[in-house]
Every structure is written in structure tokens, then in C-alpha cells.
C-alpha atoms as a PDB file:
ATOM      1  CA  MET A   1      76.897 126.915 114.016  1.00  0.00           C
ATOM      2  CA  ALA A   2      77.461 128.856 117.210  1.00  0.00           C
ATOM      3  CA  SER A   3      79.995 131.572 117.757  1.00  0.00           C
ATOM      4  CA  THR A   4      82.579 131.898 120.520  1.00  0.00           C
ATOM      5  CA  ALA A   5      79.899 133.641 122.608  1.00  0.00           C
ATOM      6  CA  ALA A   6      78.793 130.141 123.583  1.00  0.00           C
ATOM      7  CA  PHE A   7      82.103 129.567 125.344  1.00  0.00           C
ATOM      8  CA  GLN A   8      83.169 132.941 126.719  1.00  0.00           C
ATOM      9  CA  PRO A   9      80.823 134.916 128.981  1.00  0.00           C
ATOM     10  CA  THR A  10      80.666 138.632 128.228  1.00  0.00           C
ATOM     11  CA  ALA A  11      79.171 141.395 130.316  1.00  0.00           C
ATOM     12  CA  TYR A  12      75.727 142.609 129.189  1.00  0.00           C
ATOM     13  CA  PHE A  13      75.379 139.746 126.686  1.00  0.00           C
ATOM     14  CA  ALA A  14      74.006 137.032 128.982  1.00  0.00           C
ATOM     15  CA  VAL A  15      70.911 136.308 126.868  1.00  0.00           C
ATOM     16  CA  TYR A  16      72.903 136.332 123.644  1.00  0.00           C
ATOM     17  CA  GLY A  17      75.496 133.955 125.078  1.00  0.00           C
ATOM     18  CA  ALA A  18      72.798 131.691 126.502  1.00  0.00           C
ATOM     19  CA  SER A  19      71.036 131.471 123.144  1.00  0.00           C
ATOM     20  CA  LYS A  20      74.294 130.601 121.408  1.00  0.00           C
ATOM     21  CA  THR A  21      74.989 127.919 124.019  1.00  0.00           C
ATOM     22  CA  PHE A  22      71.501 126.518 123.443  1.00  0.00           C
ATOM     23  CA  VAL A  23      72.037 126.390 119.672  1.00  0.00           C
ATOM     24  CA  LEU A  24      75.367 124.638 120.129  1.00  0.00           C
ATOM     25  CA  ASN A  25      74.074 122.021 122.565  1.00  0.00           C
ATOM     26  CA  PHE A  26      70.808 121.466 120.708  1.00  0.00           C
ATOM     27  CA  SER A  27      72.635 120.845 117.447  1.00  0.00           C
ATOM     28  CA  LEU A  28      75.005 118.432 119.196  1.00  0.00           C
ATOM     29  CA  ALA A  29      72.034 116.554 120.663  1.00  0.00           C
ATOM     30  CA  LEU A  30      70.384 116.316 117.252  1.00  0.00           C
ATOM     31  CA  ARG A  31      73.607 115.011 115.761  1.00  0.00           C
ATOM     32  CA  HIS A  32      73.744 112.211 118.344  1.00  0.00           C
ATOM     33  CA  GLU A  33      70.168 111.083 117.720  1.00  0.00           C
END
């Protein structure tokens, strides 16, 4: 489960937000397989 950081960019948290976006999209891709 990803947090809202996957949807809302925040200053100085680019890597954190990117990792949350990856987790969200990766889990969605696994669900569709």
C-alpha cells in the first residue's frame, strides 16, 4: 500500500515520492497479471 506521497509531489522528498509511486504501480501491475 502506498501513501499519498505517490500522488502529491513534495519538496525535498523526490526519492521518497518516487519510491512510493513505484510501489503503487508495481503492485497494480502484479494485480493485473
